[in-house]
Amino acid sequence: MKEEDVLKFFAAGTHLGGTNLDFQMEQYIYQRKSDGIYITNLKRTWEKLLLAARAIVAIKNPADVSIISSRNTVQRAVLKFAAATGTTPIAGRFTPGTFTNQI
């Protein structure tokens, strides 16, 4: 990971987590600040981003990949990512089981 990438992570605030920590996320935490905010391990984050990018690139038709978020703060990012990559955006309300529970 380049220094430029780390600076972009910091500028976007992706290293800052919340005050609650699930046991499954412990492996991705670097440390906890004095105010209780958890700081994510940027190296692990970068590795997972590369893994996700490789998985998306391996699919022949990008429209077969769905990018989903129901949170208002992330919907714009989902739409931009989908436009840049040709994937299918689902920003807003999403019903669980939409893909798996076909009638």
PDB file of N, CA and C in Angstrom:
ATOM      1  N   MET A   1       0.848  -1.169   0.000  1.00  0.00           N
ATOM      2  CA  MET A   1       0.000   0.000   0.000  1.00  0.00           C
ATOM      3  C   MET A   1       0.892   1.230   0.000  1.00  0.00           C
ATOM      4  N   LYS A   2       0.559   2.173  -0.869  1.00  0.00           N
ATOM      5  CA  LYS A   2       1.356   3.386  -0.991  1.00  0.00           C
ATOM      6  C   LYS A   2       0.931   4.422   0.049  1.00  0.00           C
ATOM      7  N   GLU A   3       1.833   5.351   0.320  1.00  0.00           N
ATOM      8  CA  GLU A   3       1.532   6.420   1.273  1.00  0.00           C
ATOM      9  C   GLU A   3       0.358   7.263   0.783  1.00  0.00           C
ATOM     10  N   GLU A   4       0.277   7.438  -0.526  1.00  0.00           N
ATOM     11  CA  GLU A   4      -0.822   8.201  -1.126  1.00  0.00           C
ATOM     12  C   GLU A   4      -2.179   7.559  -0.800  1.00  0.00           C
ATOM     13  N   ASP A   5      -2.223   6.230  -0.841  1.00  0.00           N
ATOM     14  CA  ASP A   5      -3.458   5.514  -0.516  1.00  0.00           C
ATOM     15  C   ASP A   5      -3.845   5.711   0.951  1.00  0.00           C
ATOM     16  N   VAL A   6      -2.856   5.668   1.827  1.00  0.00           N
ATOM     17  CA  VAL A   6      -3.106   5.865   3.257  1.00  0.00           C
ATOM     18  C   VAL A   6      -3.659   7.262   3.500  1.00  0.00           C
ATOM     19  N   LEU A   7      -3.094   8.257   2.836  1.00  0.00           N
ATOM     20  CA  LEU A   7      -3.567   9.633   2.999  1.00  0.00           C
ATOM     21  C   LEU A   7      -5.006   9.784   2.513  1.00  0.00           C
ATOM     22  N   LYS A   8      -5.360   9.076   1.448  1.00  0.00           N
ATOM     23  CA  LYS A   8      -6.747   9.119   0.955  1.00  0.00           C
ATOM     24  C   LYS A   8      -7.699   8.473   1.957  1.00  0.00           C
ATOM     25  N   PHE A   9      -7.271   7.372   2.571  1.00  0.00           N
ATOM     26  CA  PHE A   9      -8.084   6.737   3.613  1.00  0.00           C
ATOM     27  C   PHE A   9      -8.328   7.714   4.765  1.00  0.00           C
ATOM     28  N   PHE A  10      -7.254   8.385   5.206  1.00  0.00           N
ATOM     29  CA  PHE A  10      -7.378   9.342   6.304  1.00  0.00           C
ATOM     30  C   PHE A  10      -8.284  10.504   5.928  1.00  0.00           C
ATOM     31  N   ALA A  11      -8.128  11.030   4.709  1.00  0.00           N
ATOM     32  CA  ALA A  11      -8.944  12.158   4.261  1.00  0.00           C
ATOM     33  C   ALA A  11     -10.429  11.796   4.231  1.00  0.00           C
ATOM     34  N   ALA A  12     -10.724  10.558   3.854  1.00  0.00           N
ATOM     35  CA  ALA A  12     -12.117  10.106   3.786  1.00  0.00           C
ATOM     36  C   ALA A  12     -12.656   9.684   5.152  1.00  0.00           C
ATOM     37  N   GLY A  13     -11.778   9.523   6.122  1.00  0.00           N
ATOM     38  CA  GLY A  13     -12.207   9.115   7.458  1.00  0.00           C
ATOM     39  C   GLY A  13     -12.559   7.646   7.567  1.00  0.00           C
ATOM     40  N   THR A  14     -12.057   6.835   6.641  1.00  0.00           N
ATOM     41  CA  THR A  14     -12.402   5.410   6.652  1.00  0.00           C
ATOM     42  C   THR A  14     -11.740   4.651   7.801  1.00  0.00           C
ATOM     43  N   HIS A  15     -10.760   5.258   8.425  1.00  0.00           N
ATOM     44  CA  HIS A  15     -10.069   4.584   9.523  1.00  0.00           C
ATOM     45  C   HIS A  15     -10.838   4.671  10.842  1.00  0.00           C
ATOM     46  N   LEU A  16     -11.847   5.525  10.899  1.00  0.00           N
ATOM     47  CA  LEU A  16     -12.601   5.712  12.131  1.00  0.00           C
ATOM     48  C   LEU A  16     -13.833   4.823  12.157  1.00  0.00           C
ATOM     49  N   GLY A  17     -13.957   4.070  13.216  1.00  0.00           N
ATOM     50  CA  GLY A  17     -15.118   3.210  13.385  1.00  0.00           C
ATOM     51  C   GLY A  17     -16.072   3.808  14.393  1.00  0.00           C
ATOM     52  N   GLY A  18     -16.852   2.974  15.013  1.00  0.00           N
ATOM     53  CA  GLY A  18     -17.798   3.424  16.018  1.00  0.00           C
ATOM     54  C   GLY A  18     -17.299   3.129  17.413  1.00  0.00           C
ATOM     55  N   THR A  19     -18.203   3.223  18.371  1.00  0.00           N
ATOM     56  CA  THR A  19     -17.832   2.948  19.757  1.00  0.00           C
ATOM     57  C   THR A  19     -18.191   1.527  20.169  1.00  0.00           C
ATOM     58  N   ASN A  20     -18.970   0.848  19.360  1.00  0.00           N
ATOM     59  CA  ASN A  20     -19.319  -0.546  19.635  1.00  0.00           C
ATOM     60  C   ASN A  20     -18.450  -1.460  18.785  1.00  0.00           C
ATOM     61  N   LEU A  21     -18.024  -2.564  19.376  1.00  0.00           N
ATOM     62  CA  LEU A  21     -17.165  -3.500  18.659  1.00  0.00           C
ATOM     63  C   LEU A  21     -17.746  -4.904  18.736  1.00  0.00           C
ATOM     64  N   ASP A  22     -18.040  -5.464  17.592  1.00  0.00           N
ATOM     65  CA  ASP A  22     -18.501  -6.842  17.501  1.00  0.00           C
ATOM     66  C   ASP A  22     -17.275  -7.754  17.525  1.00  0.00           C
ATOM     67  N   PHE A  23     -17.402  -8.919  18.128  1.00  0.00           N
ATOM     68  CA  PHE A  23     -16.249  -9.818  18.246  1.00  0.00           C
ATOM     69  C   PHE A  23     -15.705 -10.237  16.881  1.00  0.00           C
ATOM     70  N   GLN A  24     -16.552 -10.255  15.861  1.00  0.00           N
ATOM     71  CA  GLN A  24     -16.095 -10.645  14.531  1.00  0.00           C
ATOM     72  C   GLN A  24     -15.257  -9.552  13.863  1.00  0.00           C
ATOM     73  N   MET A  25     -15.342  -8.336  14.360  1.00  0.00           N
ATOM     74  CA  MET A  25     -14.579  -7.228  13.794  1.00  0.00           C
ATOM     75  C   MET A  25     -13.253  -6.995  14.512  1.00  0.00           C
ATOM     76  N   GLU A  26     -13.013  -7.682  15.611  1.00  0.00           N
ATOM     77  CA  GLU A  26     -11.807  -7.456  16.407  1.00  0.00           C
ATOM     78  C   GLU A  26     -10.529  -7.607  15.597  1.00  0.00           C
ATOM     79  N   GLN A  27     -10.515  -8.520  14.644  1.00  0.00           N
ATOM     80  CA  GLN A  27      -9.308  -8.752  13.852  1.00  0.00           C
ATOM     81  C   GLN A  27      -8.977  -7.579  12.923  1.00  0.00           C
ATOM     82  N   TYR A  28      -9.928  -6.687  12.699  1.00  0.00           N
ATOM     83  CA  TYR A  28      -9.715  -5.552  11.800  1.00  0.00           C
ATOM     84  C   TYR A  28      -9.458  -4.246  12.552  1.00  0.00           C
ATOM     85  N   ILE A  29      -9.361  -4.310  13.871  1.00  0.00           N
ATOM     86  CA  ILE A  29      -9.167  -3.109  14.680  1.00  0.00           C
ATOM     87  C   ILE A  29      -7.689  -2.924  15.002  1.00  0.00           C
ATOM     88  N   TYR A  30      -7.216  -1.687  14.822  1.00  0.00           N
ATOM     89  CA  TYR A  30      -5.833  -1.354  15.136  1.00  0.00           C
ATOM     90  C   TYR A  30      -5.716  -1.013  16.620  1.00  0.00           C
ATOM     91  N   GLN A  31      -6.529  -0.077  17.084  1.00  0.00           N
ATOM     92  CA  GLN A  31      -6.539   0.287  18.492  1.00  0.00           C
ATOM     93  C   GLN A  31      -7.789   1.095  18.801  1.00  0.00           C
ATOM     94  N   ARG A  32      -7.953   1.434  20.075  1.00  0.00           N
ATOM     95  CA  ARG A  32      -9.100   2.218  20.527  1.00  0.00           C
ATOM     96  C   ARG A  32      -8.610   3.555  21.056  1.00  0.00           C
ATOM     97  N   LYS A  33      -9.254   4.630  20.602  1.00  0.00           N
ATOM     98  CA  LYS A  33      -8.884   5.964  21.072  1.00  0.00           C
ATOM     99  C   LYS A  33      -9.422   6.191  22.478  1.00  0.00           C
ATOM    100  N   SER A  34      -8.928   7.228  23.138  1.00  0.00           N
ATOM    101  CA  SER A  34      -9.351   7.512  24.509  1.00  0.00           C
ATOM    102  C   SER A  34     -10.832   7.879  24.602  1.00  0.00           C
ATOM    103  N   ASP A  35     -11.409   8.379  23.498  1.00  0.00           N
ATOM    104  CA  ASP A  35     -12.832   8.724  23.511  1.00  0.00           C
ATOM    105  C   ASP A  35     -13.726   7.533  23.165  1.00  0.00           C
ATOM    106  N   GLY A  36     -13.129   6.347  22.989  1.00  0.00           N
ATOM    107  CA  GLY A  36     -13.897   5.135  22.754  1.00  0.00           C
ATOM    108  C   GLY A  36     -14.094   4.765  21.299  1.00  0.00           C
ATOM    109  N   ILE A  37     -13.608   5.584  20.380  1.00  0.00           N
ATOM    110  CA  ILE A  37     -13.739   5.303  18.948  1.00  0.00           C
ATOM    111  C   ILE A  37     -12.675   4.279  18.551  1.00  0.00           C
ATOM    112  N   TYR A  38     -13.100   3.260  17.813  1.00  0.00           N
ATOM    113  CA  TYR A  38     -12.163   2.244  17.336  1.00  0.00           C
ATOM    114  C   TYR A  38     -11.546   2.680  16.011  1.00  0.00           C
ATOM    115  N   ILE A  39     -10.253   2.423  15.858  1.00  0.00           N
ATOM    116  CA  ILE A  39      -9.525   2.756  14.635  1.00  0.00           C
ATOM    117  C   ILE A  39      -9.258   1.456  13.889  1.00  0.00           C
ATOM    118  N   THR A  40      -9.667   1.424  12.628  1.00  0.00           N
ATOM    119  CA  THR A  40      -9.495   0.203  11.848  1.00  0.00           C
ATOM    120  C   THR A  40      -8.067   0.088  11.333  1.00  0.00           C
ATOM    121  N   ASN A  41      -7.654  -1.127  11.113  1.00  0.00           N
ATOM    122  CA  ASN A  41      -6.338  -1.432  10.571  1.00  0.00           C
ATOM    123  C   ASN A  41      -6.389  -1.205   9.061  1.00  0.00           C
ATOM    124  N   LEU A  42      -5.733  -0.164   8.576  1.00  0.00           N
ATOM    125  CA  LEU A  42      -5.812   0.190   7.163  1.00  0.00           C
ATOM    126  C   LEU A  42      -5.157  -0.849   6.260  1.00  0.00           C
ATOM    127  N   LYS A  43      -4.152  -1.540   6.756  1.00  0.00           N
ATOM    128  CA  LYS A  43      -3.517  -2.580   5.939  1.00  0.00           C
ATOM    129  C   LYS A  43      -4.505  -3.710   5.663  1.00  0.00           C
ATOM    130  N   ARG A  44      -5.231  -4.146   6.690  1.00  0.00           N
ATOM    131  CA  ARG A  44      -6.239  -5.206   6.506  1.00  0.00           C
ATOM    132  C   ARG A  44      -7.373  -4.719   5.606  1.00  0.00           C
ATOM    133  N   THR A  45      -7.755  -3.455   5.772  1.00  0.00           N
ATOM    134  CA  THR A  45      -8.803  -2.877   4.925  1.00  0.00           C
ATOM    135  C   THR A  45      -8.368  -2.889   3.471  1.00  0.00           C
ATOM    136  N   TRP A  46      -7.135  -2.502   3.218  1.00  0.00           N
ATOM    137  CA  TRP A  46      -6.594  -2.472   1.857  1.00  0.00           C
ATOM    138  C   TRP A  46      -6.585  -3.874   1.247  1.00  0.00           C
ATOM    139  N   GLU A  47      -6.164  -4.860   2.027  1.00  0.00           N
ATOM    140  CA  GLU A  47      -6.136  -6.244   1.539  1.00  0.00           C
ATOM    141  C   GLU A  47      -7.531  -6.722   1.156  1.00  0.00           C
ATOM    142  N   LYS A  48      -8.529  -6.400   1.962  1.00  0.00           N
ATOM    143  CA  LYS A  48      -9.906  -6.814   1.667  1.00  0.00           C
ATOM    144  C   LYS A  48     -10.460  -6.067   0.456  1.00  0.00           C
ATOM    145  N   LEU A  49     -10.075  -4.808   0.280  1.00  0.00           N
ATOM    146  CA  LEU A  49     -10.498  -4.063  -0.913  1.00  0.00           C
ATOM    147  C   LEU A  49      -9.921  -4.683  -2.176  1.00  0.00           C
ATOM    148  N   LEU A  50      -8.657  -5.075  -2.120  1.00  0.00           N
ATOM    149  CA  LEU A  50      -8.041  -5.727  -3.277  1.00  0.00           C
ATOM    150  C   LEU A  50      -8.713  -7.061  -3.581  1.00  0.00           C
ATOM    151  N   LEU A  51      -9.047  -7.815  -2.553  1.00  0.00           N
ATOM    152  CA  LEU A  51      -9.748  -9.084  -2.739  1.00  0.00           C
ATOM    153  C   LEU A  51     -11.112  -8.860  -3.395  1.00  0.00           C
ATOM    154  N   ALA A  52     -11.842  -7.858  -2.926  1.00  0.00           N
ATOM    155  CA  ALA A  52     -13.153  -7.550  -3.513  1.00  0.00           C
ATOM    156  C   ALA A  52     -13.010  -7.096  -4.961  1.00  0.00           C
ATOM    157  N   ALA A  53     -11.989  -6.293  -5.243  1.00  0.00           N
ATOM    158  CA  ALA A  53     -11.764  -5.827  -6.617  1.00  0.00           C
ATOM    159  C   ALA A  53     -11.448  -6.999  -7.543  1.00  0.00           C
ATOM    160  N   ARG A  54     -10.641  -7.929  -7.072  1.00  0.00           N
ATOM    161  CA  ARG A  54     -10.315  -9.111  -7.891  1.00  0.00           C
ATOM    162  C   ARG A  54     -11.557  -9.957  -8.157  1.00  0.00           C
ATOM    163  N   ALA A  55     -12.419 -10.079  -7.170  1.00  0.00           N
ATOM    164  CA  ALA A  55     -13.650 -10.862  -7.338  1.00  0.00           C
ATOM    165  C   ALA A  55     -14.581 -10.206  -8.348  1.00  0.00           C
ATOM    166  N   ILE A  56     -14.701  -8.894  -8.298  1.00  0.00           N
ATOM    167  CA  ILE A  56     -15.576  -8.180  -9.233  1.00  0.00           C
ATOM    168  C   ILE A  56     -15.030  -8.255 -10.649  1.00  0.00           C
ATOM    169  N   VAL A  57     -13.726  -8.096 -10.803  1.00  0.00           N
ATOM    170  CA  VAL A  57     -13.101  -8.130 -12.129  1.00  0.00           C
ATOM    171  C   VAL A  57     -13.223  -9.512 -12.762  1.00  0.00           C
ATOM    172  N   ALA A  58     -13.271 -10.555 -11.958  1.00  0.00           N
ATOM    173  CA  ALA A  58     -13.338 -11.924 -12.477  1.00  0.00           C
ATOM    174  C   ALA A  58     -14.690 -12.249 -13.110  1.00  0.00           C
ATOM    175  N   ILE A  59     -15.703 -11.454 -12.838  1.00  0.00           N
ATOM    176  CA  ILE A  59     -17.036 -11.698 -13.399  1.00  0.00           C
ATOM    177  C   ILE A  59     -17.111 -11.054 -14.775  1.00  0.00           C
ATOM    178  N   LYS A  60     -17.505 -11.847 -15.780  1.00  0.00           N
ATOM    179  CA  LYS A  60     -17.495 -11.377 -17.169  1.00  0.00           C
ATOM    180  C   LYS A  60     -18.424 -10.195 -17.402  1.00  0.00           C
ATOM    181  N   ASN A  61     -19.642 -10.277 -16.903  1.00  0.00           N
ATOM    182  CA  ASN A  61     -20.616  -9.211 -17.113  1.00  0.00           C
ATOM    183  C   ASN A  61     -20.756  -8.398 -15.821  1.00  0.00           C
ATOM    184  N   PRO A  62     -20.239  -7.165 -15.787  1.00  0.00           N
ATOM    185  CA  PRO A  62     -20.300  -6.378 -14.555  1.00  0.00           C
ATOM    186  C   PRO A  62     -21.731  -6.104 -14.085  1.00  0.00           C
ATOM    187  N   ALA A  63     -22.689  -6.123 -14.987  1.00  0.00           N
ATOM    188  CA  ALA A  63     -24.081  -5.872 -14.595  1.00  0.00           C
ATOM    189  C   ALA A  63     -24.632  -6.986 -13.708  1.00  0.00           C
ATOM    190  N   ASP A  64     -23.962  -8.129 -13.675  1.00  0.00           N
ATOM    191  CA  ASP A  64     -24.374  -9.232 -12.805  1.00  0.00           C
ATOM    192  C   ASP A  64     -23.985  -8.998 -11.345  1.00  0.00           C
ATOM    193  N   VAL A  65     -23.172  -7.985 -11.092  1.00  0.00           N
ATOM    194  CA  VAL A  65     -22.743  -7.649  -9.732  1.00  0.00           C
ATOM    195  C   VAL A  65     -23.669  -6.562  -9.196  1.00  0.00           C
ATOM    196  N   SER A  66     -24.222  -6.773  -8.009  1.00  0.00           N
ATOM    197  CA  SER A  66     -25.097  -5.782  -7.380  1.00  0.00           C
ATOM    198  C   SER A  66     -24.370  -5.116  -6.222  1.00  0.00           C
ATOM    199  N   ILE A  67     -24.434  -3.800  -6.205  1.00  0.00           N
ATOM    200  CA  ILE A  67     -23.858  -3.007  -5.125  1.00  0.00           C
ATOM    201  C   ILE A  67     -25.038  -2.486  -4.311  1.00  0.00           C
ATOM    202  N   ILE A  68     -25.098  -2.858  -3.035  1.00  0.00           N
ATOM    203  CA  ILE A  68     -26.290  -2.598  -2.231  1.00  0.00           C
ATOM    204  C   ILE A  68     -25.954  -1.793  -0.983  1.00  0.00           C
ATOM    205  N   SER A  69     -26.788  -0.779  -0.711  1.00  0.00           N
ATOM    206  CA  SER A  69     -26.733  -0.074   0.561  1.00  0.00           C
ATOM    207  C   SER A  69     -28.074   0.590   0.816  1.00  0.00           C
ATOM    208  N   SER A  70     -28.564   0.446   2.020  1.00  0.00           N
ATOM    209  CA  SER A  70     -29.814   1.104   2.382  1.00  0.00           C
ATOM    210  C   SER A  70     -29.566   2.334   3.252  1.00  0.00           C
ATOM    211  N   ARG A  71     -28.333   2.539   3.647  1.00  0.00           N
ATOM    212  CA  ARG A  71     -28.017   3.698   4.488  1.00  0.00           C
ATOM    213  C   ARG A  71     -27.929   4.961   3.641  1.00  0.00           C
ATOM    214  N   ASN A  72     -28.522   6.026   4.134  1.00  0.00           N
ATOM    215  CA  ASN A  72     -28.547   7.287   3.398  1.00  0.00           C
ATOM    216  C   ASN A  72     -27.153   7.845   3.151  1.00  0.00           C
ATOM    217  N   THR A  73     -26.252   7.649   4.094  1.00  0.00           N
ATOM    218  CA  THR A  73     -24.915   8.221   3.972  1.00  0.00           C
ATOM    219  C   THR A  73     -24.070   7.539   2.904  1.00  0.00           C
ATOM    220  N   VAL A  74     -24.446   6.353   2.473  1.00  0.00           N
ATOM    221  CA  VAL A  74     -23.638   5.582   1.529  1.00  0.00           C
ATOM    222  C   VAL A  74     -24.276   5.493   0.145  1.00  0.00           C
ATOM    223  N   GLN A  75     -25.520   5.892   0.017  1.00  0.00           N
ATOM    224  CA  GLN A  75     -26.229   5.723  -1.247  1.00  0.00           C
ATOM    225  C   GLN A  75     -25.554   6.444  -2.409  1.00  0.00           C
ATOM    226  N   ARG A  76     -25.057   7.627  -2.179  1.00  0.00           N
ATOM    227  CA  ARG A  76     -24.375   8.373  -3.245  1.00  0.00           C
ATOM    228  C   ARG A  76     -23.127   7.631  -3.712  1.00  0.00           C
ATOM    229  N   ALA A  77     -22.373   7.091  -2.777  1.00  0.00           N
ATOM    230  CA  ALA A  77     -21.169   6.330  -3.120  1.00  0.00           C
ATOM    231  C   ALA A  77     -21.521   5.084  -3.917  1.00  0.00           C
ATOM    232  N   VAL A  78     -22.614   4.423  -3.555  1.00  0.00           N
ATOM    233  CA  VAL A  78     -23.059   3.228  -4.282  1.00  0.00           C
ATOM    234  C   VAL A  78     -23.382   3.587  -5.724  1.00  0.00           C
ATOM    235  N   LEU A  79     -24.117   4.671  -5.924  1.00  0.00           N
ATOM    236  CA  LEU A  79     -24.492   5.090  -7.277  1.00  0.00           C
ATOM    237  C   LEU A  79     -23.268   5.477  -8.107  1.00  0.00           C
ATOM    238  N   LYS A  80     -22.324   6.180  -7.508  1.00  0.00           N
ATOM    239  CA  LYS A  80     -21.101   6.571  -8.228  1.00  0.00           C
ATOM    240  C   LYS A  80     -20.255   5.353  -8.584  1.00  0.00           C
ATOM    241  N   PHE A  81     -20.104   4.440  -7.635  1.00  0.00           N
ATOM    242  CA  PHE A  81     -19.322   3.231  -7.885  1.00  0.00           C
ATOM    243  C   PHE A  81     -19.942   2.416  -9.007  1.00  0.00           C
ATOM    244  N   ALA A  82     -21.257   2.265  -8.967  1.00  0.00           N
ATOM    245  CA  ALA A  82     -21.955   1.491  -9.997  1.00  0.00           C
ATOM    246  C   ALA A  82     -21.819   2.147 -11.368  1.00  0.00           C
ATOM    247  N   ALA A  83     -21.893   3.458 -11.415  1.00  0.00           N
ATOM    248  CA  ALA A  83     -21.743   4.164 -12.692  1.00  0.00           C
ATOM    249  C   ALA A  83     -20.334   3.997 -13.250  1.00  0.00           C
ATOM    250  N   ALA A  84     -19.338   4.009 -12.374  1.00  0.00           N
ATOM    251  CA  ALA A  84     -17.945   3.896 -12.819  1.00  0.00           C
ATOM    252  C   ALA A  84     -17.576   2.479 -13.239  1.00  0.00           C
ATOM    253  N   THR A  85     -18.224   1.480 -12.652  1.00  0.00           N
ATOM    254  CA  THR A  85     -17.833   0.093 -12.914  1.00  0.00           C
ATOM    255  C   THR A  85     -18.814  -0.689 -13.777  1.00  0.00           C
ATOM    256  N   GLY A  86     -19.996  -0.141 -14.008  1.00  0.00           N
ATOM    257  CA  GLY A  86     -20.993  -0.847 -14.811  1.00  0.00           C
ATOM    258  C   GLY A  86     -21.772  -1.890 -14.035  1.00  0.00           C
ATOM    259  N   THR A  87     -21.685  -1.840 -12.716  1.00  0.00           N
ATOM    260  CA  THR A  87     -22.421  -2.785 -11.884  1.00  0.00           C
ATOM    261  C   THR A  87     -23.841  -2.275 -11.646  1.00  0.00           C
ATOM    262  N   THR A  88     -24.674  -3.094 -11.035  1.00  0.00           N
ATOM    263  CA  THR A  88     -26.067  -2.733 -10.778  1.00  0.00           C
ATOM    264  C   THR A  88     -26.205  -2.145  -9.374  1.00  0.00           C
ATOM    265  N   PRO A  89     -26.653  -0.879  -9.269  1.00  0.00           N
ATOM    266  CA  PRO A  89     -26.814  -0.284  -7.938  1.00  0.00           C
ATOM    267  C   PRO A  89     -28.187  -0.587  -7.348  1.00  0.00           C
ATOM    268  N   ILE A  90     -28.219  -0.839  -6.065  1.00  0.00           N
ATOM    269  CA  ILE A  90     -29.471  -0.930  -5.321  1.00  0.00           C
ATOM    270  C   ILE A  90     -29.274  -0.036  -4.100  1.00  0.00           C
ATOM    271  N   ALA A  91     -29.683   1.224  -4.244  1.00  0.00           N
ATOM    272  CA  ALA A  91     -29.523   2.205  -3.177  1.00  0.00           C
ATOM    273  C   ALA A  91     -30.901   2.508  -2.609  1.00  0.00           C
ATOM    274  N   GLY A  92     -31.071   2.259  -1.358  1.00  0.00           N
ATOM    275  CA  GLY A  92     -32.371   2.465  -0.736  1.00  0.00           C
ATOM    276  C   GLY A  92     -32.874   1.176  -0.129  1.00  0.00           C
ATOM    277  N   ARG A  93     -34.154   1.077  -0.031  1.00  0.00           N
ATOM    278  CA  ARG A  93     -34.780  -0.081   0.608  1.00  0.00           C
ATOM    279  C   ARG A  93     -34.478  -1.365  -0.166  1.00  0.00           C
ATOM    280  N   PHE A  94     -34.028  -2.382   0.557  1.00  0.00           N
ATOM    281  CA  PHE A  94     -33.714  -3.679  -0.042  1.00  0.00           C
ATOM    282  C   PHE A  94     -34.325  -4.769   0.821  1.00  0.00           C
ATOM    283  N   THR A  95     -35.109  -5.610   0.211  1.00  0.00           N
ATOM    284  CA  THR A  95     -35.765  -6.687   0.943  1.00  0.00           C
ATOM    285  C   THR A  95     -34.851  -7.908   0.998  1.00  0.00           C
ATOM    286  N   PRO A  96     -34.469  -8.347   2.197  1.00  0.00           N
ATOM    287  CA  PRO A  96     -33.647  -9.553   2.300  1.00  0.00           C
ATOM    288  C   PRO A  96     -34.353 -10.737   1.652  1.00  0.00           C
ATOM    289  N   GLY A  97     -33.597 -11.548   0.956  1.00  0.00           N
ATOM    290  CA  GLY A  97     -34.157 -12.705   0.273  1.00  0.00           C
ATOM    291  C   GLY A  97     -34.541 -12.423  -1.168  1.00  0.00           C
ATOM    292  N   THR A  98     -34.324 -11.200  -1.624  1.00  0.00           N
ATOM    293  CA  THR A  98     -34.677 -10.836  -2.995  1.00  0.00           C
ATOM    294  C   THR A  98     -33.978 -11.728  -4.010  1.00  0.00           C
ATOM    295  N   PHE A  99     -32.738 -12.065  -3.763  1.00  0.00           N
ATOM    296  CA  PHE A  99     -31.982 -12.893  -4.701  1.00  0.00           C
ATOM    297  C   PHE A  99     -32.240 -14.386  -4.497  1.00  0.00           C
ATOM    298  N   THR A 100     -32.405 -14.789  -3.263  1.00  0.00           N
ATOM    299  CA  THR A 100     -32.447 -16.225  -2.962  1.00  0.00           C
ATOM    300  C   THR A 100     -33.842 -16.822  -2.899  1.00  0.00           C
ATOM    301  N   ASN A 101     -34.839 -16.043  -2.563  1.00  0.00           N
ATOM    302  CA  ASN A 101     -36.191 -16.572  -2.385  1.00  0.00           C
ATOM    303  C   ASN A 101     -37.045 -16.299  -3.622  1.00  0.00           C
ATOM    304  N   GLN A 102     -36.690 -16.925  -4.717  1.00  0.00           N
ATOM    305  CA  GLN A 102     -37.438 -16.734  -5.960  1.00  0.00           C
ATOM    306  C   GLN A 102     -38.718 -17.551  -5.931  1.00  0.00           C
ATOM    307  N   ILE A 103     -39.779 -16.970  -6.442  1.00  0.00           N
ATOM    308  CA  ILE A 103     -41.075 -17.675  -6.484  1.00  0.00           C
ATOM    309  C   ILE A 103     -41.268 -18.282  -7.852  1.00  0.00           C
TER     310      ILE A 103
END
